[in-house]
Amino acid sequence: MNQIIKVLLLIGSPKGEKSTSNGISSYLFKKFKENGVKAKKTYIIKAIRTKTGVHELKSLVYDSDIIILVSPLYIDSIPAITVKVMEEIYEHKNDTFRKKQMFMAIFNSGFPEPHQNDLAIDMCKKFASDTGMEWAGSVTIGMGSSLEGKALEKLGMAKNLRNGLDTAVKSLIAGKSVPEEAEIIASKPLMPLTIAKFVMNTFGGILWRNRMNKNAKKKVYNRPYA
């Protein structure tokens, strides 16, 4: 691929515009635009509601030179709505795919460790292979919820992520896969893992107890099959 014509940012989060995935996509969108590259963001949750939406989404995929899936991790896997779209794309790959396309995946999870996203990334690699697209690389992000609703440019903890994404954009524009060094930099934990685990355990426990008291009260301790 000598020249990048169109980049499609596929946002796989059911939260749509309010998601961490959208925040990451917005940063990438700006970087591509700054470099004079055509980029478009699209939300799978909106497209999948109608047959027309799915058809239009598939048309965008087939018309793009680079597809970047930005998604959260749901139970060690890809969200169901995103899997559905991937299946639709796969079923029609032989008739409509361009000869050369690149596919990149960026996953964020609520777990502190970025490697929790590895299984979802492997699924995306398989998808790229089965649809005839060139695998362009990946980024895995832990503690993704700490980025939700915030601009990456304003977050000190996202410095490594920004640096890695900046390098990824330059490589993709040149028609090359994302360098391994950039993947490693972008995938560095947003904070030291010991601190991240403490924050998650402490505040996660508080959040869980609050929801329990509000919705379940003492029922959460019931043992109906005991």
Foldseek 3Di string as FASTA:
>chain_A
DQAFAEEEEEEQELVPCQFLLVLLVVLLCVLCVVVVHHYDYDYLNVLVPDPVSLVVVLVNVQPGQEYEYRYEQDPLEGDPSVVVSLVVNLVCLVPRHDQEHEYEYEYEYAAQAQCSNVSHRVVVVVSCVSSVYHYQYYATEYNSVVSGPHHLVPDPLQPLLSVLSSQQSVQVRNVHGRDPVSNVSNRPGSDPNVVSVVCCVVVVVVVVVVVCCVPPNPVVVDDVPD
